Amino acid sequence: MKDLWQRLKETDKPIALYGTGDGADKIIRKMRSDGTFTKVKGIFASDGFVRRRSFCGFDVETYTSCKARLGDMIVLMCFGTSRPEVLEFISRVRSENEFYAPDVPVVGGNIFETAFYENNKDDIDAVRAVLSDELSRRTFDDTIKNKLTGDVSYLEDCEVSQSEADSLLSFGSPTTMVDLGAYTGDTVLRYTELFDKIDKIFAVEPDPRNFRKLLENTAGLDITCINALIGDKPGTSTIATGRSRGRGVRDLSDKGGIDIAVTTVDDILKGSPAGFIKMDVEGAELAAIEGARGTIAAFRPQMQIACYHRSEDIWTIPLKVLSIQKEYRVYMRHMPHIPGWDTLFYFI
């Protein structure tokens, strides 16, 4: 299968970027390294987001003016969304143009192109072989095809609602939930409403503003809120706050920022069991799994783990979990989102 980046090398069509910001920066870097950025002839934004500004040497314009100026063009989507009104606008743009949503990782530098796929095919095949149902295998295959080609129709082929995905979970007795990347409490509120057996919660959120809202939104629950990063061992780190593509914080190491504690699942639970762990921690999932090694091995909690932050997440995460606890059934689900964020593994 020819990847998107090869298609861009071969095309004679003008290319327009849809959106600005971090995603556009990453796509532009890749195109510059490939020698294809010279084919970019315009940048446009969604209706309502166009104002007098420039980005990367281009005036940001409306889709209508960009289409009128360039005609038969390739559109590269440079941001992520699940908002229905934006998805509706994207549907219009797709119907009128050759359209792609390039898969550039939220974290890390590996682009999911043909060479990357071929170099990791043994691990990819190993994960596909352990998936527990046909929908998981189709989701896995479609995710790879989407990552390679940028063709969003592969995402539509496998998408399910959040409720359909969460039907994989069930709890027969009172249980403890650990929410890693708790944001403002949205998932805590969702799952305590959905599952009345969740009677105790630990919620970890590093961003100070999100943490304050988490405390407000979950008042009245039996919950312990922890303002920390999650990792593979306790300690401290330095972060920059602010809403990023991953909806939270970025690790700055020694580049300056806010000092914050780092904790682990095993340290939080101190040997007590958990029945459900949710992980959405901006590319730190492998470290979070390692920091939950004792809990996973001893208690086999059901887990929901995001697998869209790093290009390699779709095989490194399940292989890491199964190296600790082989008894899991592994499922993969994708909820409506362009590009392929909101793609999760369920370990049951």
C-alpha atoms as a PDB file:
ATOM      1  CA  MET A   1       0.000   0.000   0.000  1.00  0.00           C
ATOM      2  CA  LYS A   2       1.414   3.409  -1.024  1.00  0.00           C
ATOM      3  CA  ASP A   3       1.669   5.787   1.914  1.00  0.00           C
ATOM      4  CA  LEU A   4       0.458   9.388   1.930  1.00  0.00           C
ATOM      5  CA  TRP A   5       3.914  10.907   1.861  1.00  0.00           C
ATOM      6  CA  GLN A   6       4.742   9.091  -1.376  1.00  0.00           C
ATOM      7  CA  ARG A   7       1.445  10.305  -2.849  1.00  0.00           C
ATOM      8  CA  LEU A   8       2.417  13.892  -2.035  1.00  0.00           C
ATOM      9  CA  LYS A   9       5.777  13.421  -3.756  1.00  0.00           C
ATOM     10  CA  GLU A  10       4.048  12.218  -6.915  1.00  0.00           C
ATOM     11  CA  THR A  11       1.186  14.707  -7.205  1.00  0.00           C
ATOM     12  CA  ASP A  12       1.109  17.730  -9.479  1.00  0.00           C
ATOM     13  CA  LYS A  13      -1.923  19.170  -7.681  1.00  0.00           C
ATOM     14  CA  PRO A  14      -1.589  22.229  -5.442  1.00  0.00           C
ATOM     15  CA  ILE A  15      -1.836  21.366  -1.742  1.00  0.00           C
ATOM     16  CA  ALA A  16      -3.831  23.336   0.837  1.00  0.00           C
ATOM     17  CA  LEU A  17      -3.427  22.913   4.566  1.00  0.00           C
ATOM     18  CA  TYR A  18      -6.632  22.924   6.602  1.00  0.00           C
ATOM     19  CA  GLY A  19      -5.850  24.309  10.053  1.00  0.00           C
ATOM     20  CA  THR A  20      -2.884  25.762  11.899  1.00  0.00           C
ATOM     21  CA  GLY A  21      -1.041  25.047  15.120  1.00  0.00           C
ATOM     22  CA  ASP A  22       0.976  22.119  16.414  1.00  0.00           C
ATOM     23  CA  GLY A  23      -0.424  19.584  13.950  1.00  0.00           C
ATOM     24  CA  ALA A  24       0.318  21.872  11.001  1.00  0.00           C
ATOM     25  CA  ASP A  25       3.843  22.463  12.306  1.00  0.00           C
ATOM     26  CA  LYS A  26       4.521  18.720  12.349  1.00  0.00           C
ATOM     27  CA  ILE A  27       3.074  18.145   8.888  1.00  0.00           C
ATOM     28  CA  ILE A  28       5.085  21.045   7.495  1.00  0.00           C
ATOM     29  CA  ARG A  29       8.299  19.688   9.048  1.00  0.00           C
ATOM     30  CA  LYS A  30       7.685  16.313   7.434  1.00  0.00           C
ATOM     31  CA  MET A  31       6.878  17.885   4.054  1.00  0.00           C
ATOM     32  CA  ARG A  32       9.993  20.036   4.189  1.00  0.00           C
ATOM     33  CA  SER A  33      12.138  16.983   4.912  1.00  0.00           C
ATOM     34  CA  ASP A  34      10.496  15.221   1.927  1.00  0.00           C
ATOM     35  CA  GLY A  35      10.863  18.235  -0.379  1.00  0.00           C
ATOM     36  CA  THR A  36       7.089  18.545  -0.893  1.00  0.00           C
ATOM     37  CA  PHE A  37       6.345  21.738   1.033  1.00  0.00           C
ATOM     38  CA  THR A  38       6.855  23.782  -2.151  1.00  0.00           C
ATOM     39  CA  LYS A  39       3.554  22.279  -3.349  1.00  0.00           C
ATOM     40  CA  VAL A  40       1.622  23.954  -0.506  1.00  0.00           C
ATOM     41  CA  LYS A  41      -0.195  26.924  -2.041  1.00  0.00           C
ATOM     42  CA  GLY A  42      -2.631  27.939   0.682  1.00  0.00           C
ATOM     43  CA  ILE A  43      -3.869  27.555   4.258  1.00  0.00           C
ATOM     44  CA  PHE A  44      -7.502  27.805   5.282  1.00  0.00           C
ATOM     45  CA  ALA A  45      -9.500  27.477   8.493  1.00  0.00           C
ATOM     46  CA  SER A  46     -13.014  26.391   9.390  1.00  0.00           C
ATOM     47  CA  ASP A  47     -15.772  28.975   9.094  1.00  0.00           C
ATOM     48  CA  GLY A  48     -15.784  31.011  12.281  1.00  0.00           C
ATOM     49  CA  PHE A  49     -12.054  30.526  12.848  1.00  0.00           C
ATOM     50  CA  VAL A  50     -10.871  32.762  10.021  1.00  0.00           C
ATOM     51  CA  ARG A  51      -9.523  36.124  11.135  1.00  0.00           C
ATOM     52  CA  ARG A  52      -6.831  38.415   9.853  1.00  0.00           C
ATOM     53  CA  ARG A  53      -3.684  36.396  10.510  1.00  0.00           C
ATOM     54  CA  SER A  54      -0.891  34.566   8.757  1.00  0.00           C
ATOM     55  CA  PHE A  55       0.722  31.192   9.303  1.00  0.00           C
ATOM     56  CA  CYS A  56       3.984  29.921   7.871  1.00  0.00           C
ATOM     57  CA  GLY A  57       4.111  32.725   5.305  1.00  0.00           C
ATOM     58  CA  PHE A  58       0.498  32.322   4.130  1.00  0.00           C
ATOM     59  CA  ASP A  59      -2.545  34.456   4.879  1.00  0.00           C
ATOM     60  CA  VAL A  60      -5.112  32.173   6.517  1.00  0.00           C
ATOM     61  CA  GLU A  61      -8.194  32.280   4.309  1.00  0.00           C
ATOM     62  CA  THR A  62     -11.643  30.778   4.075  1.00  0.00           C
ATOM     63  CA  TYR A  63     -12.204  27.434   2.410  1.00  0.00           C
ATOM     64  CA  THR A  64     -14.367  29.118  -0.227  1.00  0.00           C
ATOM     65  CA  SER A  65     -11.643  31.546  -1.272  1.00  0.00           C
ATOM     66  CA  CYS A  66      -8.937  28.879  -1.186  1.00  0.00           C
ATOM     67  CA  LYS A  67     -11.020  26.530  -3.342  1.00  0.00           C
ATOM     68  CA  ALA A  68     -11.843  29.279  -5.827  1.00  0.00           C
ATOM     69  CA  ARG A  69      -8.168  30.187  -6.119  1.00  0.00           C
ATOM     70  CA  LEU A  70      -6.634  26.697  -6.332  1.00  0.00           C
ATOM     71  CA  GLY A  71      -9.397  24.617  -7.929  1.00  0.00           C
ATOM     72  CA  ASP A  72      -8.491  20.927  -8.105  1.00  0.00           C
ATOM     73  CA  MET A  73      -6.393  20.591  -4.954  1.00  0.00           C
ATOM     74  CA  ILE A  74      -5.288  18.194  -2.243  1.00  0.00           C
ATOM     75  CA  VAL A  75      -6.410  19.150   1.259  1.00  0.00           C
ATOM     76  CA  LEU A  76      -4.386  18.057   4.291  1.00  0.00           C
ATOM     77  CA  MET A  77      -6.206  18.327   7.611  1.00  0.00           C
ATOM     78  CA  CYS A  78      -3.843  19.574  10.337  1.00  0.00           C
ATOM     79  CA  PHE A  79      -5.836  19.270  13.575  1.00  0.00           C
ATOM     80  CA  GLY A  80      -8.100  16.857  15.411  1.00  0.00           C
ATOM     81  CA  THR A  81     -11.804  17.021  16.116  1.00  0.00           C
ATOM     82  CA  SER A  82     -14.865  15.042  17.112  1.00  0.00           C
ATOM     83  CA  ARG A  83     -17.223  18.048  17.046  1.00  0.00           C
ATOM     84  CA  PRO A  84     -20.267  17.199  14.883  1.00  0.00           C
ATOM     85  CA  GLU A  85     -20.446  20.607  13.198  1.00  0.00           C
ATOM     86  CA  VAL A  86     -16.768  20.442  12.208  1.00  0.00           C
ATOM     87  CA  LEU A  87     -17.130  16.851  11.006  1.00  0.00           C
ATOM     88  CA  GLU A  88     -20.052  18.022   8.866  1.00  0.00           C
ATOM     89  CA  PHE A  89     -17.877  20.731   7.307  1.00  0.00           C
ATOM     90  CA  ILE A  90     -15.096  18.195   6.748  1.00  0.00           C
ATOM     91  CA  SER A  91     -17.594  16.004   4.911  1.00  0.00           C
ATOM     92  CA  ARG A  92     -18.246  18.860   2.495  1.00  0.00           C
ATOM     93  CA  VAL A  93     -14.519  19.485   1.932  1.00  0.00           C
ATOM     94  CA  ARG A  94     -13.958  15.761   1.355  1.00  0.00           C
ATOM     95  CA  SER A  95     -16.733  15.641  -1.228  1.00  0.00           C
ATOM     96  CA  GLU A  96     -15.091  18.417  -3.248  1.00  0.00           C
ATOM     97  CA  ASN A  97     -11.387  17.554  -2.978  1.00  0.00           C
ATOM     98  CA  GLU A  98      -8.787  14.861  -2.602  1.00  0.00           C
ATOM     99  CA  PHE A  99      -8.627  14.884   1.195  1.00  0.00           C
ATOM    100  CA  TYR A 100      -6.268  13.390   3.786  1.00  0.00           C
ATOM    101  CA  ALA A 101      -5.744  13.659   7.538  1.00  0.00           C
ATOM    102  CA  PRO A 102      -2.015  12.904   7.943  1.00  0.00           C
ATOM    103  CA  ASP A 103      -1.127  10.815  10.965  1.00  0.00           C
ATOM    104  CA  VAL A 104       1.559  12.776  12.789  1.00  0.00           C
ATOM    105  CA  PRO A 105       2.074  11.627  16.393  1.00  0.00           C
ATOM    106  CA  VAL A 106       1.005  13.695  19.382  1.00  0.00           C
ATOM    107  CA  VAL A 107       4.266  12.632  21.070  1.00  0.00           C
ATOM    108  CA  GLY A 108       7.509  11.326  19.596  1.00  0.00           C
ATOM    109  CA  GLY A 109       9.062  11.643  16.177  1.00  0.00           C
ATOM    110  CA  ASN A 110       8.150   8.402  14.414  1.00  0.00           C
ATOM    111  CA  ILE A 111       5.949   8.953  11.365  1.00  0.00           C
ATOM    112  CA  PHE A 112       3.834   5.936  10.418  1.00  0.00           C
ATOM    113  CA  GLU A 113       5.057   5.550   6.855  1.00  0.00           C
ATOM    114  CA  THR A 114       5.801   2.422   4.845  1.00  0.00           C
ATOM    115  CA  ALA A 115       9.363   1.893   6.088  1.00  0.00           C
ATOM    116  CA  PHE A 116       8.259   2.309   9.712  1.00  0.00           C
ATOM    117  CA  TYR A 117       5.476  -0.224   9.203  1.00  0.00           C
ATOM    118  CA  GLU A 118       7.748  -2.761   7.521  1.00  0.00           C
ATOM    119  CA  ASN A 119      10.453  -2.398  10.176  1.00  0.00           C
ATOM    120  CA  ASN A 120       7.932  -3.229  12.906  1.00  0.00           C
ATOM    121  CA  LYS A 121       5.738  -5.730  11.082  1.00  0.00           C
ATOM    122  CA  ASP A 122       6.627  -8.694  13.319  1.00  0.00           C
ATOM    123  CA  ASP A 123       5.382  -6.878  16.429  1.00  0.00           C
ATOM    124  CA  ILE A 124       2.336  -5.584  14.546  1.00  0.00           C
ATOM    125  CA  ASP A 125       1.444  -9.113  13.422  1.00  0.00           C
ATOM    126  CA  ALA A 126       1.979 -10.437  16.960  1.00  0.00           C
ATOM    127  CA  VAL A 127      -0.563  -7.978  18.355  1.00  0.00           C
ATOM    128  CA  ARG A 128      -3.124  -8.674  15.641  1.00  0.00           C
ATOM    129  CA  ALA A 129      -2.899 -12.382  16.479  1.00  0.00           C
ATOM    130  CA  VAL A 130      -3.943 -11.828  20.116  1.00  0.00           C
ATOM    131  CA  LEU A 131      -6.944  -9.579  19.478  1.00  0.00           C
ATOM    132  CA  SER A 132     -10.112 -11.136  20.828  1.00  0.00           C
ATOM    133  CA  ASP A 133     -12.828 -10.397  18.280  1.00  0.00           C
ATOM    134  CA  GLU A 134     -13.375  -9.575  14.639  1.00  0.00           C
ATOM    135  CA  LEU A 135     -14.203  -5.910  15.292  1.00  0.00           C
ATOM    136  CA  SER A 136     -10.864  -5.510  17.085  1.00  0.00           C
ATOM    137  CA  ARG A 137      -9.003  -7.028  14.154  1.00  0.00           C
ATOM    138  CA  ARG A 138     -10.863  -4.801  11.689  1.00  0.00           C
ATOM    139  CA  THR A 139     -10.188  -1.744  13.853  1.00  0.00           C
ATOM    140  CA  PHE A 140      -6.513  -2.679  14.028  1.00  0.00           C
ATOM    141  CA  ASP A 141      -6.271  -3.157  10.256  1.00  0.00           C
ATOM    142  CA  ASP A 142      -8.195   0.027   9.502  1.00  0.00           C
ATOM    143  CA  THR A 143      -6.062   2.006  11.963  1.00  0.00           C
ATOM    144  CA  ILE A 144      -2.905   0.901  10.178  1.00  0.00           C
ATOM    145  CA  LYS A 145      -4.368   1.712   6.749  1.00  0.00           C
ATOM    146  CA  ASN A 146      -5.440   5.141   7.998  1.00  0.00           C
ATOM    147  CA  LYS A 147      -2.044   5.845   9.516  1.00  0.00           C
ATOM    148  CA  LEU A 148      -0.310   4.916   6.271  1.00  0.00           C
ATOM    149  CA  THR A 149      -2.613   6.705   3.846  1.00  0.00           C
ATOM    150  CA  GLY A 150      -4.332   9.490   5.772  1.00  0.00           C
ATOM    151  CA  ASP A 151      -7.622   8.238   4.268  1.00  0.00           C
ATOM    152  CA  VAL A 152     -10.295   8.882   6.913  1.00  0.00           C
ATOM    153  CA  SER A 153     -12.769   6.450   5.328  1.00  0.00           C
ATOM    154  CA  TYR A 154     -10.862   3.674   7.105  1.00  0.00           C
ATOM    155  CA  LEU A 155     -11.764   5.282  10.438  1.00  0.00           C
ATOM    156  CA  GLU A 156     -15.422   5.460   9.456  1.00  0.00           C
ATOM    157  CA  ASP A 157     -15.329   1.759   8.581  1.00  0.00           C
ATOM    158  CA  CYS A 158     -14.592   0.728  12.174  1.00  0.00           C
ATOM    159  CA  GLU A 159     -15.919   3.493  14.406  1.00  0.00           C
ATOM    160  CA  VAL A 160     -18.309   2.752  17.268  1.00  0.00           C
ATOM    161  CA  SER A 161     -19.915   4.906  19.944  1.00  0.00           C
ATOM    162  CA  GLN A 162     -18.321   5.319  23.355  1.00  0.00           C
ATOM    163  CA  SER A 163     -21.238   3.366  24.832  1.00  0.00           C
ATOM    164  CA  GLU A 164     -20.651   0.460  22.458  1.00  0.00           C
ATOM    165  CA  ALA A 165     -16.977   0.388  23.397  1.00  0.00           C
ATOM    166  CA  ASP A 166     -17.688   0.573  27.110  1.00  0.00           C
ATOM    167  CA  SER A 167     -20.080  -2.371  26.882  1.00  0.00           C
ATOM    168  CA  LEU A 168     -16.920  -4.492  27.065  1.00  0.00           C
ATOM    169  CA  LEU A 169     -16.622  -3.502  30.731  1.00  0.00           C
ATOM    170  CA  SER A 170     -18.588  -5.050  33.589  1.00  0.00           C
ATOM    171  CA  PHE A 171     -18.180  -5.160  37.357  1.00  0.00           C
ATOM    172  CA  GLY A 172     -19.925  -7.735  39.512  1.00  0.00           C
ATOM    173  CA  SER A 173     -18.831  -6.449  42.921  1.00  0.00           C
ATOM    174  CA  PRO A 174     -17.747  -3.138  44.481  1.00  0.00           C
ATOM    175  CA  THR A 175     -14.541  -1.987  42.856  1.00  0.00           C
ATOM    176  CA  THR A 176     -11.903   0.725  42.826  1.00  0.00           C
ATOM    177  CA  MET A 177     -11.287   2.869  39.739  1.00  0.00           C
ATOM    178  CA  VAL A 178      -7.961   4.557  38.982  1.00  0.00           C
ATOM    179  CA  ASP A 179      -8.293   7.369  36.426  1.00  0.00           C
ATOM    180  CA  LEU A 180      -4.944   8.409  34.947  1.00  0.00           C
ATOM    181  CA  GLY A 181      -5.330  11.649  33.009  1.00  0.00           C
ATOM    182  CA  ALA A 182      -8.554  12.543  34.813  1.00  0.00           C
ATOM    183  CA  TYR A 183      -8.796  15.987  33.154  1.00  0.00           C
ATOM    184  CA  THR A 184     -11.735  17.803  34.801  1.00  0.00           C
ATOM    185  CA  GLY A 185     -13.530  14.664  35.952  1.00  0.00           C
ATOM    186  CA  ASP A 186     -15.438  13.816  32.782  1.00  0.00           C
ATOM    187  CA  THR A 187     -14.503  10.130  32.781  1.00  0.00           C
ATOM    188  CA  VAL A 188     -14.969   9.778  36.539  1.00  0.00           C
ATOM    189  CA  LEU A 189     -18.500  11.131  36.239  1.00  0.00           C
ATOM    190  CA  ARG A 190     -19.215   8.983  33.192  1.00  0.00           C
ATOM    191  CA  TYR A 191     -18.113   5.707  34.714  1.00  0.00           C
ATOM    192  CA  THR A 192     -19.581   6.237  38.168  1.00  0.00           C
ATOM    193  CA  GLU A 193     -22.914   6.885  36.494  1.00  0.00           C
ATOM    194  CA  LEU A 194     -22.531   3.919  34.154  1.00  0.00           C
ATOM    195  CA  PHE A 195     -21.275   1.427  36.752  1.00  0.00           C
ATOM    196  CA  ASP A 196     -22.777   1.609  40.229  1.00  0.00           C
ATOM    197  CA  LYS A 197     -20.223  -0.934  41.474  1.00  0.00           C
ATOM    198  CA  ILE A 198     -17.453   1.673  41.272  1.00  0.00           C
ATOM    199  CA  ASP A 199     -17.399   2.840  44.868  1.00  0.00           C
ATOM    200  CA  LYS A 200     -13.878   4.242  45.314  1.00  0.00           C
ATOM    201  CA  ILE A 201     -11.817   6.371  42.946  1.00  0.00           C
ATOM    202  CA  PHE A 202      -8.260   7.625  42.624  1.00  0.00           C
ATOM    203  CA  ALA A 203      -7.966  10.369  39.986  1.00  0.00           C
ATOM    204  CA  VAL A 204      -4.583  11.661  38.778  1.00  0.00           C
ATOM    205  CA  GLU A 205      -4.354  14.941  36.846  1.00  0.00           C
ATOM    206  CA  PRO A 206      -1.187  17.044  36.443  1.00  0.00           C
ATOM    207  CA  ASP A 207      -2.516  20.302  34.997  1.00  0.00           C
ATOM    208  CA  PRO A 208      -3.275  22.752  37.867  1.00  0.00           C
ATOM    209  CA  ARG A 209      -6.304  24.356  36.196  1.00  0.00           C
ATOM    210  CA  ASN A 210      -7.807  21.021  35.224  1.00  0.00           C
ATOM    211  CA  PHE A 211      -7.093  19.729  38.725  1.00  0.00           C
ATOM    212  CA  ARG A 212      -9.061  22.546  40.355  1.00  0.00           C
ATOM    213  CA  LYS A 213     -12.039  21.755  38.107  1.00  0.00           C
ATOM    214  CA  LEU A 214     -11.631  18.044  38.853  1.00  0.00           C
ATOM    215  CA  LEU A 215     -11.997  18.792  42.574  1.00  0.00           C
ATOM    216  CA  GLU A 216     -15.080  20.920  41.947  1.00  0.00           C
ATOM    217  CA  ASN A 217     -16.784  18.503  39.571  1.00  0.00           C
ATOM    218  CA  THR A 218     -16.296  15.380  41.683  1.00  0.00           C
ATOM    219  CA  ALA A 219     -17.157  16.813  45.097  1.00  0.00           C
ATOM    220  CA  GLY A 220     -19.381  14.358  46.936  1.00  0.00           C
ATOM    221  CA  LEU A 221     -17.826  11.226  45.473  1.00  0.00           C
ATOM    222  CA  ASP A 222     -15.556   8.867  47.410  1.00  0.00           C
ATOM    223  CA  ILE A 223     -12.548  10.093  45.480  1.00  0.00           C
ATOM    224  CA  THR A 224      -8.902  10.859  46.106  1.00  0.00           C
ATOM    225  CA  CYS A 225      -7.650  13.475  43.623  1.00  0.00           C
ATOM    226  CA  ILE A 226      -3.903  13.614  43.059  1.00  0.00           C
ATOM    227  CA  ASN A 227      -2.169  16.534  41.324  1.00  0.00           C
ATOM    228  CA  ALA A 228       0.754  14.661  39.765  1.00  0.00           C
ATOM    229  CA  LEU A 229       2.211  13.160  36.638  1.00  0.00           C
ATOM    230  CA  ILE A 230       1.956   9.398  36.289  1.00  0.00           C
ATOM    231  CA  GLY A 231       5.109   7.411  35.613  1.00  0.00           C
ATOM    232  CA  ASP A 232       7.057   4.215  36.183  1.00  0.00           C
ATOM    233  CA  LYS A 233       8.511   5.302  39.534  1.00  0.00           C
ATOM    234  CA  PRO A 234       7.783   8.030  42.097  1.00  0.00           C
ATOM    235  CA  GLY A 235       9.782  11.249  41.883  1.00  0.00           C
ATOM    236  CA  THR A 236       9.507  14.747  40.475  1.00  0.00           C
ATOM    237  CA  SER A 237       9.468  16.257  36.998  1.00  0.00           C
ATOM    238  CA  THR A 238       9.032  19.629  35.293  1.00  0.00           C
ATOM    239  CA  ILE A 239       6.079  20.452  33.090  1.00  0.00           C
ATOM    240  CA  ALA A 240       4.669  23.265  31.000  1.00  0.00           C
ATOM    241  CA  THR A 241       0.949  23.671  31.470  1.00  0.00           C
ATOM    242  CA  GLY A 242      -1.542  24.461  28.750  1.00  0.00           C
ATOM    243  CA  ARG A 243      -3.998  22.745  26.488  1.00  0.00           C
ATOM    244  CA  SER A 244      -2.103  20.823  23.840  1.00  0.00           C
ATOM    245  CA  ARG A 245      -3.214  18.211  21.323  1.00  0.00           C
ATOM    246  CA  GLY A 246      -3.132  15.748  24.200  1.00  0.00           C
ATOM    247  CA  ARG A 247      -5.340  18.044  26.291  1.00  0.00           C
ATOM    248  CA  GLY A 248      -2.966  18.584  29.171  1.00  0.00           C
ATOM    249  CA  VAL A 249       0.703  19.037  29.974  1.00  0.00           C
ATOM    250  CA  ARG A 250       4.053  18.506  28.322  1.00  0.00           C
ATOM    251  CA  ASP A 251       7.169  17.157  30.029  1.00  0.00           C
ATOM    252  CA  LEU A 252       9.944  19.734  29.750  1.00  0.00           C
ATOM    253  CA  SER A 253      12.672  17.767  31.560  1.00  0.00           C
ATOM    254  CA  ASP A 254      15.312  20.404  32.333  1.00  0.00           C
ATOM    255  CA  LYS A 255      13.999  23.146  30.025  1.00  0.00           C
ATOM    256  CA  GLY A 256      12.108  25.024  32.715  1.00  0.00           C
ATOM    257  CA  GLY A 257       8.498  25.078  33.890  1.00  0.00           C
ATOM    258  CA  ILE A 258       6.554  23.933  36.929  1.00  0.00           C
ATOM    259  CA  ASP A 259       7.950  21.270  39.249  1.00  0.00           C
ATOM    260  CA  ILE A 260       5.423  18.512  39.953  1.00  0.00           C
ATOM    261  CA  ALA A 261       5.351  15.177  41.709  1.00  0.00           C
ATOM    262  CA  VAL A 262       5.430  11.932  39.744  1.00  0.00           C
ATOM    263  CA  THR A 263       3.490   8.970  41.126  1.00  0.00           C
ATOM    264  CA  THR A 264       2.628   5.421  40.093  1.00  0.00           C
ATOM    265  CA  VAL A 265      -0.438   3.224  40.304  1.00  0.00           C
ATOM    266  CA  ASP A 266       1.342   0.783  42.605  1.00  0.00           C
ATOM    267  CA  ASP A 267       2.388   3.620  44.904  1.00  0.00           C
ATOM    268  CA  ILE A 268      -1.151   5.016  44.991  1.00  0.00           C
ATOM    269  CA  LEU A 269      -2.802   1.680  45.784  1.00  0.00           C
ATOM    270  CA  LYS A 270      -0.065   0.375  48.126  1.00  0.00           C
ATOM    271  CA  GLY A 271      -1.018  -3.239  47.549  1.00  0.00           C
ATOM    272  CA  SER A 272      -4.792  -2.817  47.588  1.00  0.00           C
ATOM    273  CA  PRO A 273      -6.718  -4.045  44.531  1.00  0.00           C
ATOM    274  CA  ALA A 274      -8.226  -2.033  41.702  1.00  0.00           C
ATOM    275  CA  GLY A 275     -10.938  -3.267  39.371  1.00  0.00           C
ATOM    276  CA  PHE A 276     -10.598  -0.659  36.619  1.00  0.00           C
ATOM    277  CA  ILE A 277      -7.747   1.502  35.377  1.00  0.00           C
ATOM    278  CA  LYS A 278      -8.199   4.137  32.667  1.00  0.00           C
ATOM    279  CA  MET A 279      -5.029   5.545  31.065  1.00  0.00           C
ATOM    280  CA  ASP A 280      -4.920   8.578  28.768  1.00  0.00           C
ATOM    281  CA  VAL A 281      -1.620  10.210  29.665  1.00  0.00           C
ATOM    282  CA  GLU A 282      -0.216  11.877  26.531  1.00  0.00           C
ATOM    283  CA  GLY A 283       2.305   9.290  25.495  1.00  0.00           C
ATOM    284  CA  ALA A 284       3.377   8.177  28.986  1.00  0.00           C
ATOM    285  CA  GLU A 285       1.237   5.031  28.776  1.00  0.00           C
ATOM    286  CA  LEU A 286       4.188   2.603  28.783  1.00  0.00           C
ATOM    287  CA  ALA A 287       5.616   4.239  31.896  1.00  0.00           C
ATOM    288  CA  ALA A 288       2.173   4.167  33.519  1.00  0.00           C
ATOM    289  CA  ILE A 289       1.825   0.446  32.765  1.00  0.00           C
ATOM    290  CA  GLU A 290       5.252  -0.235  34.265  1.00  0.00           C
ATOM    291  CA  GLY A 291       4.263   1.757  37.340  1.00  0.00           C
ATOM    292  CA  ALA A 292       1.185  -0.459  37.656  1.00  0.00           C
ATOM    293  CA  ARG A 293       3.122  -3.703  37.207  1.00  0.00           C
ATOM    294  CA  GLY A 294       2.345  -5.070  40.675  1.00  0.00           C
ATOM    295  CA  THR A 295      -1.351  -4.220  40.452  1.00  0.00           C
ATOM    296  CA  ILE A 296      -1.716  -5.694  36.966  1.00  0.00           C
ATOM    297  CA  ALA A 297       0.107  -8.909  37.877  1.00  0.00           C
ATOM    298  CA  ALA A 298      -1.712  -9.472  41.171  1.00  0.00           C
ATOM    299  CA  PHE A 299      -5.244  -8.234  40.526  1.00  0.00           C
ATOM    300  CA  ARG A 300      -5.725  -8.176  36.723  1.00  0.00           C
ATOM    301  CA  PRO A 301      -7.851  -4.995  36.676  1.00  0.00           C
ATOM    302  CA  GLN A 302      -9.893  -4.250  33.598  1.00  0.00           C
ATOM    303  CA  MET A 303      -8.131  -1.479  31.718  1.00  0.00           C
ATOM    304  CA  GLN A 304      -8.910   1.086  29.046  1.00  0.00           C
ATOM    305  CA  ILE A 305      -5.707   2.494  27.532  1.00  0.00           C
ATOM    306  CA  ALA A 306      -5.405   5.192  24.850  1.00  0.00           C
ATOM    307  CA  CYS A 307      -3.203   4.108  21.944  1.00  0.00           C
ATOM    308  CA  TYR A 308      -2.998   7.155  19.674  1.00  0.00           C
ATOM    309  CA  HIS A 309      -0.324   9.404  21.174  1.00  0.00           C
ATOM    310  CA  ARG A 310       2.731   7.668  19.697  1.00  0.00           C
ATOM    311  CA  SER A 311       2.935   5.945  16.315  1.00  0.00           C
ATOM    312  CA  GLU A 312       4.138   2.746  17.983  1.00  0.00           C
ATOM    313  CA  ASP A 313       1.392   2.633  20.643  1.00  0.00           C
ATOM    314  CA  ILE A 314      -0.715   0.129  18.728  1.00  0.00           C
ATOM    315  CA  TRP A 315       1.808  -2.631  19.361  1.00  0.00           C
ATOM    316  CA  THR A 316       3.990  -1.492  22.283  1.00  0.00           C
ATOM    317  CA  ILE A 317       1.053  -1.044  24.672  1.00  0.00           C
ATOM    318  CA  PRO A 318      -0.567  -4.488  24.289  1.00  0.00           C
ATOM    319  CA  LEU A 319       2.804  -6.258  24.208  1.00  0.00           C
ATOM    320  CA  LYS A 320       3.810  -4.463  27.418  1.00  0.00           C
ATOM    321  CA  VAL A 321       0.582  -5.387  29.210  1.00  0.00           C
ATOM    322  CA  LEU A 322       0.720  -9.014  28.091  1.00  0.00           C
ATOM    323  CA  SER A 323       4.341  -9.295  29.198  1.00  0.00           C
ATOM    324  CA  ILE A 324       3.080  -8.603  32.734  1.00  0.00           C
ATOM    325  CA  GLN A 325      -0.237 -10.482  32.685  1.00  0.00           C
ATOM    326  CA  LYS A 326      -0.960 -13.009  29.935  1.00  0.00           C
ATOM    327  CA  GLU A 327      -4.562 -13.738  30.966  1.00  0.00           C
ATOM    328  CA  TYR A 328      -6.183 -10.681  29.395  1.00  0.00           C
ATOM    329  CA  ARG A 329      -8.583 -10.680  26.489  1.00  0.00           C
ATOM    330  CA  VAL A 330      -7.549  -7.734  24.291  1.00  0.00           C
ATOM    331  CA  TYR A 331      -9.996  -5.555  22.347  1.00  0.00           C
ATOM    332  CA  MET A 332      -9.499  -2.430  20.235  1.00  0.00           C
ATOM    333  CA  ARG A 333     -12.150   0.220  19.602  1.00  0.00           C
ATOM    334  CA  HIS A 334     -12.234   3.542  17.746  1.00  0.00           C
ATOM    335  CA  MET A 335     -14.741   6.279  18.561  1.00  0.00           C
ATOM    336  CA  PRO A 336     -15.669   9.036  16.042  1.00  0.00           C
ATOM    337  CA  HIS A 337     -12.690  11.365  15.651  1.00  0.00           C
ATOM    338  CA  ILE A 338     -10.526  12.689  12.825  1.00  0.00           C
ATOM    339  CA  PRO A 339      -7.648  11.855  12.770  1.00  0.00           C
ATOM    340  CA  GLY A 340      -7.563   8.519  14.595  1.00  0.00           C
ATOM    341  CA  TRP A 341      -7.495   9.786  18.163  1.00  0.00           C
ATOM    342  CA  ASP A 342     -10.012   8.283  20.584  1.00  0.00           C
ATOM    343  CA  THR A 343      -8.669   4.863  19.716  1.00  0.00           C
ATOM    344  CA  LEU A 344      -8.403   2.608  22.750  1.00  0.00           C
ATOM    345  CA  PHE A 345      -7.347  -0.832  23.876  1.00  0.00           C
ATOM    346  CA  TYR A 346      -9.549  -2.629  26.397  1.00  0.00           C
ATOM    347  CA  PHE A 347      -7.942  -5.312  28.542  1.00  0.00           C
ATOM    348  CA  ILE A 348     -10.650  -7.527  30.022  1.00  0.00           C
END
